[in-house]
mmCIF file of all heavy atoms, coordinates in Angstrom:
data_MODEL
# 
_entry.id   MODEL 
# 
loop_
_atom_site.group_PDB 
_atom_site.id 
_atom_site.type_symbol 
_atom_site.label_atom_id 
_atom_site.label_alt_id 
_atom_site.label_comp_id 
_atom_site.label_asym_id 
_atom_site.label_entity_id 
_atom_site.label_seq_id 
_atom_site.pdbx_PDB_ins_code 
_atom_site.Cartn_x 
_atom_site.Cartn_y 
_atom_site.Cartn_z 
_atom_site.occupancy 
_atom_site.B_iso_or_equiv 
_atom_site.pdbx_formal_charge 
_atom_site.auth_seq_id 
_atom_site.auth_comp_id 
_atom_site.auth_asym_id 
_atom_site.auth_atom_id 
_atom_site.pdbx_PDB_model_num 
ATOM 1   N N   . PHE A 1 1  ? 44.457 -252.309 104.170 1.00 0.00 ? 1  PHE A N   1 
ATOM 2   C CA  . PHE A 1 1  ? 45.737 -252.837 103.687 1.00 0.00 ? 1  PHE A CA  1 
ATOM 3   C C   . PHE A 1 1  ? 46.851 -252.682 104.711 1.00 0.00 ? 1  PHE A C   1 
ATOM 4   O O   . PHE A 1 1  ? 47.637 -253.592 104.945 1.00 0.00 ? 1  PHE A O   1 
ATOM 5   C CB  . PHE A 1 1  ? 46.139 -252.114 102.382 1.00 0.00 ? 1  PHE A CB  1 
ATOM 6   C CG  . PHE A 1 1  ? 45.185 -252.345 101.255 1.00 0.00 ? 1  PHE A CG  1 
ATOM 7   C CD1 . PHE A 1 1  ? 44.230 -251.389 100.931 1.00 0.00 ? 1  PHE A CD1 1 
ATOM 8   C CD2 . PHE A 1 1  ? 45.234 -253.513 100.505 1.00 0.00 ? 1  PHE A CD2 1 
ATOM 9   C CE1 . PHE A 1 1  ? 43.348 -251.582 99.896  1.00 0.00 ? 1  PHE A CE1 1 
ATOM 10  C CE2 . PHE A 1 1  ? 44.350 -253.715 99.453  1.00 0.00 ? 1  PHE A CE2 1 
ATOM 11  C CZ  . PHE A 1 1  ? 43.396 -252.762 99.142  1.00 0.00 ? 1  PHE A CZ  1 
ATOM 12  N N   . ASP A 1 2  ? 46.934 -251.483 105.308 1.00 0.00 ? 2  ASP A N   1 
ATOM 13  C CA  . ASP A 1 2  ? 48.022 -251.236 106.251 1.00 0.00 ? 2  ASP A CA  1 
ATOM 14  C C   . ASP A 1 2  ? 47.683 -250.036 107.138 1.00 0.00 ? 2  ASP A C   1 
ATOM 15  O O   . ASP A 1 2  ? 46.611 -249.445 107.025 1.00 0.00 ? 2  ASP A O   1 
ATOM 16  C CB  . ASP A 1 2  ? 49.342 -250.987 105.513 1.00 0.00 ? 2  ASP A CB  1 
ATOM 17  C CG  . ASP A 1 2  ? 49.221 -249.900 104.463 1.00 0.00 ? 2  ASP A CG  1 
ATOM 18  O OD1 . ASP A 1 2  ? 48.214 -249.156 104.515 1.00 0.00 ? 2  ASP A OD1 1 
ATOM 19  O OD2 . ASP A 1 2  ? 50.087 -249.786 103.599 1.00 0.00 ? 2  ASP A OD2 1 
ATOM 20  N N   . THR A 1 3  ? 48.614 -249.682 108.002 1.00 0.00 ? 3  THR A N   1 
ATOM 21  C CA  . THR A 1 3  ? 48.466 -248.536 108.898 1.00 0.00 ? 3  THR A CA  1 
ATOM 22  C C   . THR A 1 3  ? 49.638 -247.581 108.694 1.00 0.00 ? 3  THR A C   1 
ATOM 23  O O   . THR A 1 3  ? 50.792 -247.980 108.879 1.00 0.00 ? 3  THR A O   1 
ATOM 24  C CB  . THR A 1 3  ? 48.395 -248.970 110.366 1.00 0.00 ? 3  THR A CB  1 
ATOM 25  O OG1 . THR A 1 3  ? 47.240 -249.797 110.567 1.00 0.00 ? 3  THR A OG1 1 
ATOM 26  C CG2 . THR A 1 3  ? 48.294 -247.761 111.287 1.00 0.00 ? 3  THR A CG2 1 
ATOM 27  N N   . LEU A 1 4  ? 49.348 -246.361 108.268 1.00 0.00 ? 4  LEU A N   1 
ATOM 28  C CA  . LEU A 1 4  ? 50.388 -245.361 108.082 1.00 0.00 ? 4  LEU A CA  1 
ATOM 29  C C   . LEU A 1 4  ? 50.518 -244.536 109.364 1.00 0.00 ? 4  LEU A C   1 
ATOM 30  O O   . LEU A 1 4  ? 49.523 -244.129 109.963 1.00 0.00 ? 4  LEU A O   1 
ATOM 31  C CB  . LEU A 1 4  ? 50.025 -244.442 106.907 1.00 0.00 ? 4  LEU A CB  1 
ATOM 32  C CG  . LEU A 1 4  ? 49.685 -245.150 105.589 1.00 0.00 ? 4  LEU A CG  1 
ATOM 33  C CD1 . LEU A 1 4  ? 49.323 -244.130 104.524 1.00 0.00 ? 4  LEU A CD1 1 
ATOM 34  C CD2 . LEU A 1 4  ? 50.835 -246.019 105.125 1.00 0.00 ? 4  LEU A CD2 1 
ATOM 35  N N   . LYS A 1 5  ? 51.774 -244.277 109.770 1.00 0.00 ? 5  LYS A N   1 
ATOM 36  C CA  . LYS A 1 5  ? 52.003 -243.609 111.042 1.00 0.00 ? 5  LYS A CA  1 
ATOM 37  C C   . LYS A 1 5  ? 52.766 -242.298 110.857 1.00 0.00 ? 5  LYS A C   1 
ATOM 38  O O   . LYS A 1 5  ? 53.621 -242.180 109.981 1.00 0.00 ? 5  LYS A O   1 
ATOM 39  C CB  . LYS A 1 5  ? 52.794 -244.531 111.981 1.00 0.00 ? 5  LYS A CB  1 
ATOM 40  C CG  . LYS A 1 5  ? 52.060 -245.810 112.362 1.00 0.00 ? 5  LYS A CG  1 
ATOM 41  C CD  . LYS A 1 5  ? 52.873 -246.664 113.304 1.00 0.00 ? 5  LYS A CD  1 
ATOM 42  C CE  . LYS A 1 5  ? 52.136 -247.940 113.685 1.00 0.00 ? 5  LYS A CE  1 
ATOM 43  N NZ  . LYS A 1 5  ? 52.927 -248.771 114.629 1.00 0.00 ? 5  LYS A NZ  1 
ATOM 44  N N   . LEU A 1 6  ? 52.411 -241.324 111.692 1.00 0.00 ? 6  LEU A N   1 
ATOM 45  C CA  . LEU A 1 6  ? 53.070 -240.026 111.688 1.00 0.00 ? 6  LEU A CA  1 
ATOM 46  C C   . LEU A 1 6  ? 53.214 -239.572 113.146 1.00 0.00 ? 6  LEU A C   1 
ATOM 47  O O   . LEU A 1 6  ? 52.240 -239.513 113.885 1.00 0.00 ? 6  LEU A O   1 
ATOM 48  C CB  . LEU A 1 6  ? 52.231 -239.000 110.906 1.00 0.00 ? 6  LEU A CB  1 
ATOM 49  C CG  . LEU A 1 6  ? 52.775 -237.565 110.847 1.00 0.00 ? 6  LEU A CG  1 
ATOM 50  C CD1 . LEU A 1 6  ? 54.093 -237.521 110.078 1.00 0.00 ? 6  LEU A CD1 1 
ATOM 51  C CD2 . LEU A 1 6  ? 51.755 -236.657 110.183 1.00 0.00 ? 6  LEU A CD2 1 
ATOM 52  N N   . ASP A 1 7  ? 54.447 -239.270 113.543 1.00 0.00 ? 7  ASP A N   1 
ATOM 53  C CA  . ASP A 1 7  ? 54.704 -238.848 114.932 1.00 0.00 ? 7  ASP A CA  1 
ATOM 54  C C   . ASP A 1 7  ? 54.839 -237.324 115.002 1.00 0.00 ? 7  ASP A C   1 
ATOM 55  O O   . ASP A 1 7  ? 55.734 -236.731 114.380 1.00 0.00 ? 7  ASP A O   1 
ATOM 56  C CB  . ASP A 1 7  ? 55.978 -239.510 115.454 1.00 0.00 ? 7  ASP A CB  1 
ATOM 57  C CG  . ASP A 1 7  ? 55.814 -241.016 115.627 1.00 0.00 ? 7  ASP A CG  1 
ATOM 58  O OD1 . ASP A 1 7  ? 54.713 -241.437 116.019 1.00 0.00 ? 7  ASP A OD1 1 
ATOM 59  O OD2 . ASP A 1 7  ? 56.789 -241.756 115.378 1.00 0.00 ? 7  ASP A OD2 1 
ATOM 60  N N   . LEU A 1 8  ? 53.939 -236.713 115.762 1.00 0.00 ? 8  LEU A N   1 
ATOM 61  C CA  . LEU A 1 8  ? 53.963 -235.256 115.947 1.00 0.00 ? 8  LEU A CA  1 
ATOM 62  C C   . LEU A 1 8  ? 54.435 -234.933 117.352 1.00 0.00 ? 8  LEU A C   1 
ATOM 63  O O   . LEU A 1 8  ? 54.371 -235.766 118.270 1.00 0.00 ? 8  LEU A O   1 
ATOM 64  C CB  . LEU A 1 8  ? 52.563 -234.672 115.745 1.00 0.00 ? 8  LEU A CB  1 
ATOM 65  C CG  . LEU A 1 8  ? 51.850 -235.005 114.432 1.00 0.00 ? 8  LEU A CG  1 
ATOM 66  C CD1 . LEU A 1 8  ? 50.468 -234.361 114.431 1.00 0.00 ? 8  LEU A CD1 1 
ATOM 67  C CD2 . LEU A 1 8  ? 52.649 -234.536 113.243 1.00 0.00 ? 8  LEU A CD2 1 
ATOM 68  N N   . GLU A 1 9  ? 54.896 -233.692 117.522 1.00 0.00 ? 9  GLU A N   1 
ATOM 69  C CA  . GLU A 1 9  ? 55.269 -233.186 118.836 1.00 0.00 ? 9  GLU A CA  1 
ATOM 70  C C   . GLU A 1 9  ? 54.576 -231.857 119.080 1.00 0.00 ? 9  GLU A C   1 
ATOM 71  O O   . GLU A 1 9  ? 54.552 -230.992 118.193 1.00 0.00 ? 9  GLU A O   1 
ATOM 72  C CB  . GLU A 1 9  ? 56.775 -232.987 118.957 1.00 0.00 ? 9  GLU A CB  1 
ATOM 73  C CG  . GLU A 1 9  ? 57.552 -234.286 119.165 1.00 0.00 ? 9  GLU A CG  1 
ATOM 74  C CD  . GLU A 1 9  ? 59.014 -234.012 119.456 1.00 0.00 ? 9  GLU A CD  1 
ATOM 75  O OE1 . GLU A 1 9  ? 59.445 -232.847 119.328 1.00 0.00 ? 9  GLU A OE1 1 
ATOM 76  O OE2 . GLU A 1 9  ? 59.709 -234.974 119.810 1.00 0.00 ? 9  GLU A OE2 1 
ATOM 77  N N   . ALA A 1 10 ? 54.020 -231.709 120.275 1.00 0.00 ? 10 ALA A N   1 
ATOM 78  C CA  . ALA A 1 10 ? 53.411 -230.451 120.702 1.00 0.00 ? 10 ALA A CA  1 
ATOM 79  C C   . ALA A 1 10 ? 54.198 -229.932 121.890 1.00 0.00 ? 10 ALA A C   1 
ATOM 80  O O   . ALA A 1 10 ? 54.226 -230.568 122.953 1.00 0.00 ? 10 ALA A O   1 
ATOM 81  C CB  . ALA A 1 10 ? 51.942 -230.639 121.059 1.00 0.00 ? 10 ALA A CB  1 
ATOM 82  N N   . VAL A 1 11 ? 54.831 -228.802 121.720 1.00 0.00 ? 11 VAL A N   1 
ATOM 83  C CA  . VAL A 1 11 ? 55.611 -228.202 122.794 1.00 0.00 ? 11 VAL A CA  1 
ATOM 84  C C   . VAL A 1 11 ? 54.762 -227.126 123.467 1.00 0.00 ? 11 VAL A C   1 
ATOM 85  O O   . VAL A 1 11 ? 54.497 -226.069 122.891 1.00 0.00 ? 11 VAL A O   1 
ATOM 86  C CB  . VAL A 1 11 ? 56.925 -227.595 122.275 1.00 0.00 ? 11 VAL A CB  1 
ATOM 87  C CG1 . VAL A 1 11 ? 57.750 -227.010 123.428 1.00 0.00 ? 11 VAL A CG1 1 
ATOM 88  C CG2 . VAL A 1 11 ? 57.739 -228.647 121.529 1.00 0.00 ? 11 VAL A CG2 1 
ATOM 89  N N   . VAL A 1 12 ? 54.315 -227.412 124.653 1.00 0.00 ? 12 VAL A N   1 
ATOM 90  C CA  . VAL A 1 12 ? 53.453 -226.474 125.410 1.00 0.00 ? 12 VAL A CA  1 
ATOM 91  C C   . VAL A 1 12 ? 54.343 -225.507 126.183 1.00 0.00 ? 12 VAL A C   1 
ATOM 92  O O   . VAL A 1 12 ? 55.142 -225.912 127.015 1.00 0.00 ? 12 VAL A O   1 
ATOM 93  C CB  . VAL A 1 12 ? 52.529 -227.236 126.363 1.00 0.00 ? 12 VAL A CB  1 
ATOM 94  C CG1 . VAL A 1 12 ? 51.675 -226.261 127.162 1.00 0.00 ? 12 VAL A CG1 1 
ATOM 95  C CG2 . VAL A 1 12 ? 51.630 -228.188 125.578 1.00 0.00 ? 12 VAL A CG2 1 
ATOM 96  N N   . ARG A 1 13 ? 54.206 -224.226 125.878 1.00 0.00 ? 13 ARG A N   1 
ATOM 97  C CA  . ARG A 1 13 ? 55.039 -223.210 126.515 1.00 0.00 ? 13 ARG A CA  1 
ATOM 98  C C   . ARG A 1 13 ? 54.413 -222.629 127.784 1.00 0.00 ? 13 ARG A C   1 
ATOM 99  O O   . ARG A 1 13 ? 55.085 -222.035 128.615 1.00 0.00 ? 13 ARG A O   1 
ATOM 100 C CB  . ARG A 1 13 ? 55.305 -222.065 125.534 1.00 0.00 ? 13 ARG A CB  1 
ATOM 101 C CG  . ARG A 1 13 ? 56.186 -222.450 124.373 1.00 0.00 ? 13 ARG A CG  1 
ATOM 102 C CD  . ARG A 1 13 ? 56.684 -221.235 123.626 1.00 0.00 ? 13 ARG A CD  1 
ATOM 103 N NE  . ARG A 1 13 ? 55.656 -220.645 122.778 1.00 0.00 ? 13 ARG A NE  1 
ATOM 104 C CZ  . ARG A 1 13 ? 55.156 -219.432 122.942 1.00 0.00 ? 13 ARG A CZ  1 
ATOM 105 N NH1 . ARG A 1 13 ? 55.550 -218.691 123.945 1.00 0.00 ? 13 ARG A NH1 1 
ATOM 106 N NH2 . ARG A 1 13 ? 54.247 -218.943 122.121 1.00 0.00 ? 13 ARG A NH2 1 
ATOM 107 N N   . GLY A 1 14 ? 53.105 -222.776 127.941 1.00 0.00 ? 14 GLY A N   1 
ATOM 108 C CA  . GLY A 1 14 ? 52.417 -222.173 129.079 1.00 0.00 ? 14 GLY A CA  1 
ATOM 109 C C   . GLY A 1 14 ? 51.109 -221.565 128.605 1.00 0.00 ? 14 GLY A C   1 
ATOM 110 O O   . GLY A 1 14 ? 50.527 -222.016 127.601 1.00 0.00 ? 14 GLY A O   1 
ATOM 111 N N   . SER A 1 15 ? 50.645 -220.526 129.294 1.00 0.00 ? 15 SER A N   1 
ATOM 112 C CA  . SER A 1 15 ? 49.345 -219.928 128.928 1.00 0.00 ? 15 SER A CA  1 
ATOM 113 C C   . SER A 1 15 ? 49.386 -218.406 129.052 1.00 0.00 ? 15 SER A C   1 
ATOM 114 O O   . SER A 1 15 ? 50.104 -217.846 129.879 1.00 0.00 ? 15 SER A O   1 
ATOM 115 C CB  . SER A 1 15 ? 48.234 -220.473 129.840 1.00 0.00 ? 15 SER A CB  1 
ATOM 116 O OG  . SER A 1 15 ? 48.473 -220.128 131.187 1.00 0.00 ? 15 SER A OG  1 
ATOM 117 N N   . TYR A 1 16 ? 48.596 -217.753 128.179 1.00 0.00 ? 16 TYR A N   1 
ATOM 118 C CA  . TYR A 1 16 ? 48.364 -216.319 128.286 1.00 0.00 ? 16 TYR A CA  1 
ATOM 119 C C   . TYR A 1 16 ? 46.996 -216.086 128.912 1.00 0.00 ? 16 TYR A C   1 
ATOM 120 O O   . TYR A 1 16 ? 46.019 -216.693 128.483 1.00 0.00 ? 16 TYR A O   1 
ATOM 121 C CB  . TYR A 1 16 ? 48.372 -215.663 126.902 1.00 0.00 ? 16 TYR A CB  1 
ATOM 122 C CG  . TYR A 1 16 ? 49.729 -215.624 126.226 1.00 0.00 ? 16 TYR A CG  1 
ATOM 123 C CD1 . TYR A 1 16 ? 49.970 -216.420 125.103 1.00 0.00 ? 16 TYR A CD1 1 
ATOM 124 C CD2 . TYR A 1 16 ? 50.736 -214.798 126.681 1.00 0.00 ? 16 TYR A CD2 1 
ATOM 125 C CE1 . TYR A 1 16 ? 51.201 -216.383 124.458 1.00 0.00 ? 16 TYR A CE1 1 
ATOM 126 C CE2 . TYR A 1 16 ? 51.969 -214.751 126.043 1.00 0.00 ? 16 TYR A CE2 1 
ATOM 127 C CZ  . TYR A 1 16 ? 52.200 -215.547 124.938 1.00 0.00 ? 16 TYR A CZ  1 
ATOM 128 O OH  . TYR A 1 16 ? 53.406 -215.505 124.309 1.00 0.00 ? 16 TYR A OH  1 
ATOM 129 N N   . ALA A 1 17 ? 46.926 -215.224 129.911 1.00 0.00 ? 17 ALA A N   1 
ATOM 130 C CA  . ALA A 1 17 ? 45.647 -214.893 130.536 1.00 0.00 ? 17 ALA A CA  1 
ATOM 131 C C   . ALA A 1 17 ? 45.763 -213.555 131.234 1.00 0.00 ? 17 ALA A C   1 
ATOM 132 O O   . ALA A 1 17 ? 46.757 -213.286 131.922 1.00 0.00 ? 17 ALA A O   1 
ATOM 133 C CB  . ALA A 1 17 ? 45.197 -215.980 131.517 1.00 0.00 ? 17 ALA A CB  1 
ATOM 134 N N   . VAL A 1 18 ? 44.767 -212.688 131.065 1.00 0.00 ? 18 VAL A N   1 
ATOM 135 C CA  . VAL A 1 18 ? 44.759 -211.389 131.701 1.00 0.00 ? 18 VAL A CA  1 
ATOM 136 C C   . VAL A 1 18 ? 43.388 -211.136 132.322 1.00 0.00 ? 18 VAL A C   1 
ATOM 137 O O   . VAL A 1 18 ? 42.358 -211.585 131.802 1.00 0.00 ? 18 VAL A O   1 
ATOM 138 C CB  . VAL A 1 18 ? 45.109 -210.283 130.685 1.00 0.00 ? 18 VAL A CB  1 
ATOM 139 C CG1 . VAL A 1 18 ? 44.096 -210.220 129.562 1.00 0.00 ? 18 VAL A CG1 1 
ATOM 140 C CG2 . VAL A 1 18 ? 45.234 -208.915 131.350 1.00 0.00 ? 18 VAL A CG2 1 
ATOM 141 N N   . GLU A 1 19 ? 43.376 -210.431 133.434 1.00 0.00 ? 19 GLU A N   1 
ATOM 142 C CA  . GLU A 1 19 ? 42.128 -210.126 134.140 1.00 0.00 ? 19 GLU A CA  1 
ATOM 143 C C   . GLU A 1 19 ? 42.102 -208.645 134.485 1.00 0.00 ? 19 GLU A C   1 
ATOM 144 O O   . GLU A 1 19 ? 43.098 -208.073 134.941 1.00 0.00 ? 19 GLU A O   1 
ATOM 145 C CB  . GLU A 1 19 ? 42.009 -210.949 135.408 1.00 0.00 ? 19 GLU A CB  1 
ATOM 146 C CG  . GLU A 1 19 ? 40.736 -210.689 136.199 1.00 0.00 ? 19 GLU A CG  1 
ATOM 147 C CD  . GLU A 1 19 ? 40.673 -211.444 137.521 1.00 0.00 ? 19 GLU A CD  1 
ATOM 148 O OE1 . GLU A 1 19 ? 41.676 -212.095 137.864 1.00 0.00 ? 19 GLU A OE1 1 
ATOM 149 O OE2 . GLU A 1 19 ? 39.639 -211.357 138.209 1.00 0.00 ? 19 GLU A OE2 1 
ATOM 150 N N   . LEU A 1 20 ? 40.942 -208.010 134.260 1.00 0.00 ? 20 LEU A N   1 
ATOM 151 C CA  . LEU A 1 20 ? 40.731 -206.608 134.609 1.00 0.00 ? 20 LEU A CA  1 
ATOM 152 C C   . LEU A 1 20 ? 39.622 -206.534 135.644 1.00 0.00 ? 20 LEU A C   1 
ATOM 153 O O   . LEU A 1 20 ? 38.507 -207.005 135.412 1.00 0.00 ? 20 LEU A O   1 
ATOM 154 C CB  . LEU A 1 20 ? 40.361 -205.798 133.369 1.00 0.00 ? 20 LEU A CB  1 
ATOM 155 C CG  . LEU A 1 20 ? 40.130 -204.291 133.577 1.00 0.00 ? 20 LEU A CG  1 
ATOM 156 C CD1 . LEU A 1 20 ? 41.411 -203.611 134.036 1.00 0.00 ? 20 LEU A CD1 1 
ATOM 157 C CD2 . LEU A 1 20 ? 39.604 -203.640 132.305 1.00 0.00 ? 20 LEU A CD2 1 
ATOM 158 N N   . THR A 1 21 ? 39.919 -205.932 136.787 1.00 0.00 ? 21 THR A N   1 
ATOM 159 C CA  . THR A 1 21 ? 38.926 -205.852 137.854 1.00 0.00 ? 21 THR A CA  1 
ATOM 160 C C   . THR A 1 21 ? 39.230 -204.620 138.717 1.00 0.00 ? 21 THR A C   1 
ATOM 161 O O   . THR A 1 21 ? 40.042 -203.779 138.350 1.00 0.00 ? 21 THR A O   1 
ATOM 162 C CB  . THR A 1 21 ? 38.942 -207.140 138.707 1.00 0.00 ? 21 THR A CB  1 
ATOM 163 O OG1 . THR A 1 21 ? 37.895 -207.097 139.679 1.00 0.00 ? 21 THR A OG1 1 
ATOM 164 C CG2 . THR A 1 21 ? 40.265 -207.344 139.382 1.00 0.00 ? 21 THR A CG2 1 
ATOM 165 N N   . THR A 1 22 ? 38.563 -204.520 139.857 1.00 0.00 ? 22 THR A N   1 
ATOM 166 C CA  . THR A 1 22 ? 38.827 -203.470 140.828 1.00 0.00 ? 22 THR A CA  1 
ATOM 167 C C   . THR A 1 22 ? 39.490 -204.088 142.048 1.00 0.00 ? 22 THR A C   1 
ATOM 168 O O   . THR A 1 22 ? 39.409 -205.301 142.240 1.00 0.00 ? 22 THR A O   1 
ATOM 169 C CB  . THR A 1 22 ? 37.522 -202.755 141.235 1.00 0.00 ? 22 THR A CB  1 
ATOM 170 O OG1 . THR A 1 22 ? 36.661 -203.711 141.882 1.00 0.00 ? 22 THR A OG1 1 
ATOM 171 C CG2 . THR A 1 22 ? 36.821 -202.167 140.029 1.00 0.00 ? 22 THR A CG2 1 
ATOM 172 N N   . PRO A 1 23 ? 40.141 -203.295 142.894 1.00 0.00 ? 23 PRO A N   1 
ATOM 173 C CA  . PRO A 1 23 ? 40.813 -203.864 144.080 1.00 0.00 ? 23 PRO A CA  1 
ATOM 174 C C   . PRO A 1 23 ? 39.872 -204.662 144.986 1.00 0.00 ? 23 PRO A C   1 
ATOM 175 O O   . PRO A 1 23 ? 40.270 -205.629 145.617 1.00 0.00 ? 23 PRO A O   1 
ATOM 176 C CB  . PRO A 1 23 ? 41.369 -202.621 144.792 1.00 0.00 ? 23 PRO A CB  1 
ATOM 177 C CG  . PRO A 1 23 ? 41.542 -201.613 143.709 1.00 0.00 ? 23 PRO A CG  1 
ATOM 178 C CD  . PRO A 1 23 ? 40.410 -201.854 142.747 1.00 0.00 ? 23 PRO A CD  1 
ATOM 179 N N   . THR A 1 24 ? 38.601 -204.233 145.077 1.00 0.00 ? 24 THR A N   1 
ATOM 180 C CA  . THR A 1 24 ? 37.650 -204.903 145.949 1.00 0.00 ? 24 THR A CA  1 
ATOM 181 C C   . THR A 1 24 ? 36.750 -205.887 145.205 1.00 0.00 ? 24 THR A C   1 
ATOM 182 O O   . THR A 1 24 ? 36.010 -206.639 145.827 1.00 0.00 ? 24 THR A O   1 
ATOM 183 C CB  . THR A 1 24 ? 36.753 -203.868 146.656 1.00 0.00 ? 24 THR A CB  1 
ATOM 184 O OG1 . THR A 1 24 ? 35.996 -203.148 145.666 1.00 0.00 ? 24 THR A OG1 1 
ATOM 185 C CG2 . THR A 1 24 ? 37.594 -202.898 147.475 1.00 0.00 ? 24 THR A CG2 1 
ATOM 186 N N   . GLY A 1 25 ? 36.793 -205.838 143.878 1.00 0.00 ? 25 GLY A N   1 
ATOM 187 C CA  . GLY A 1 25 ? 35.902 -206.672 143.076 1.00 0.00 ? 25 GLY A CA  1 
ATOM 188 C C   . GLY A 1 25 ? 34.556 -206.015 142.835 1.00 0.00 ? 25 GLY A C   1 
ATOM 189 O O   . GLY A 1 25 ? 33.724 -206.550 142.090 1.00 0.00 ? 25 GLY A O   1 
ATOM 190 N N   . ARG A 1 26 ? 34.315 -204.855 143.429 1.00 0.00 ? 26 ARG A N   1 
ATOM 191 C CA  . ARG A 1 26 ? 33.059 -204.151 143.245 1.00 0.00 ? 26 ARG A CA  1 
ATOM 192 C C   . ARG A 1 26 ? 33.040 -203.467 141.885 1.00 0.00 ? 26 ARG A C   1 
ATOM 193 O O   . ARG A 1 26 ? 33.983 -202.766 141.515 1.00 0.00 ? 26 ARG A O   1 
ATOM 194 C CB  . ARG A 1 26 ? 32.858 -203.114 144.347 1.00 0.00 ? 26 ARG A CB  1 
ATOM 195 C CG  . ARG A 1 26 ? 31.553 -202.333 144.248 1.00 0.00 ? 26 ARG A CG  1 
ATOM 196 C CD  . ARG A 1 26 ? 31.506 -201.263 145.310 1.00 0.00 ? 26 ARG A CD  1 
ATOM 197 N NE  . ARG A 1 26 ? 30.289 -200.438 145.166 1.00 0.00 ? 26 ARG A NE  1 
ATOM 198 C CZ  . ARG A 1 26 ? 30.083 -199.310 145.858 1.00 0.00 ? 26 ARG A CZ  1 
ATOM 199 N NH1 . ARG A 1 26 ? 30.985 -198.906 146.748 1.00 0.00 ? 26 ARG A NH1 1 
ATOM 200 N NH2 . ARG A 1 26 ? 28.979 -198.637 145.674 1.00 0.00 ? 26 ARG A NH2 1 
ATOM 201 N N   . LEU A 1 27 ? 31.951 -203.635 141.142 1.00 0.00 ? 27 LEU A N   1 
ATOM 202 C CA  . LEU A 1 27 ? 31.837 -203.079 139.790 1.00 0.00 ? 27 LEU A CA  1 
ATOM 203 C C   . LEU A 1 27 ? 30.659 -202.123 139.679 1.00 0.00 ? 27 LEU A C   1 
ATOM 204 O O   . LEU A 1 27 ? 29.907 -202.141 138.712 1.00 0.00 ? 27 LEU A O   1 
ATOM 205 C CB  . LEU A 1 27 ? 31.711 -204.225 138.770 1.00 0.00 ? 27 LEU A CB  1 
ATOM 206 C CG  . LEU A 1 27 ? 32.914 -205.168 138.683 1.00 0.00 ? 27 LEU A CG  1 
ATOM 207 C CD1 . LEU A 1 27 ? 32.624 -206.318 137.747 1.00 0.00 ? 27 LEU A CD1 1 
ATOM 208 C CD2 . LEU A 1 27 ? 34.168 -204.406 138.220 1.00 0.00 ? 27 LEU A CD2 1 
# 
């Protein structure tokens, strides 16, 4: 019959990321 429309907005703030390692990378 018809097309219903809805306009959304996504506000991307950036990303969270953490890394745990050693200074040389040796584990």
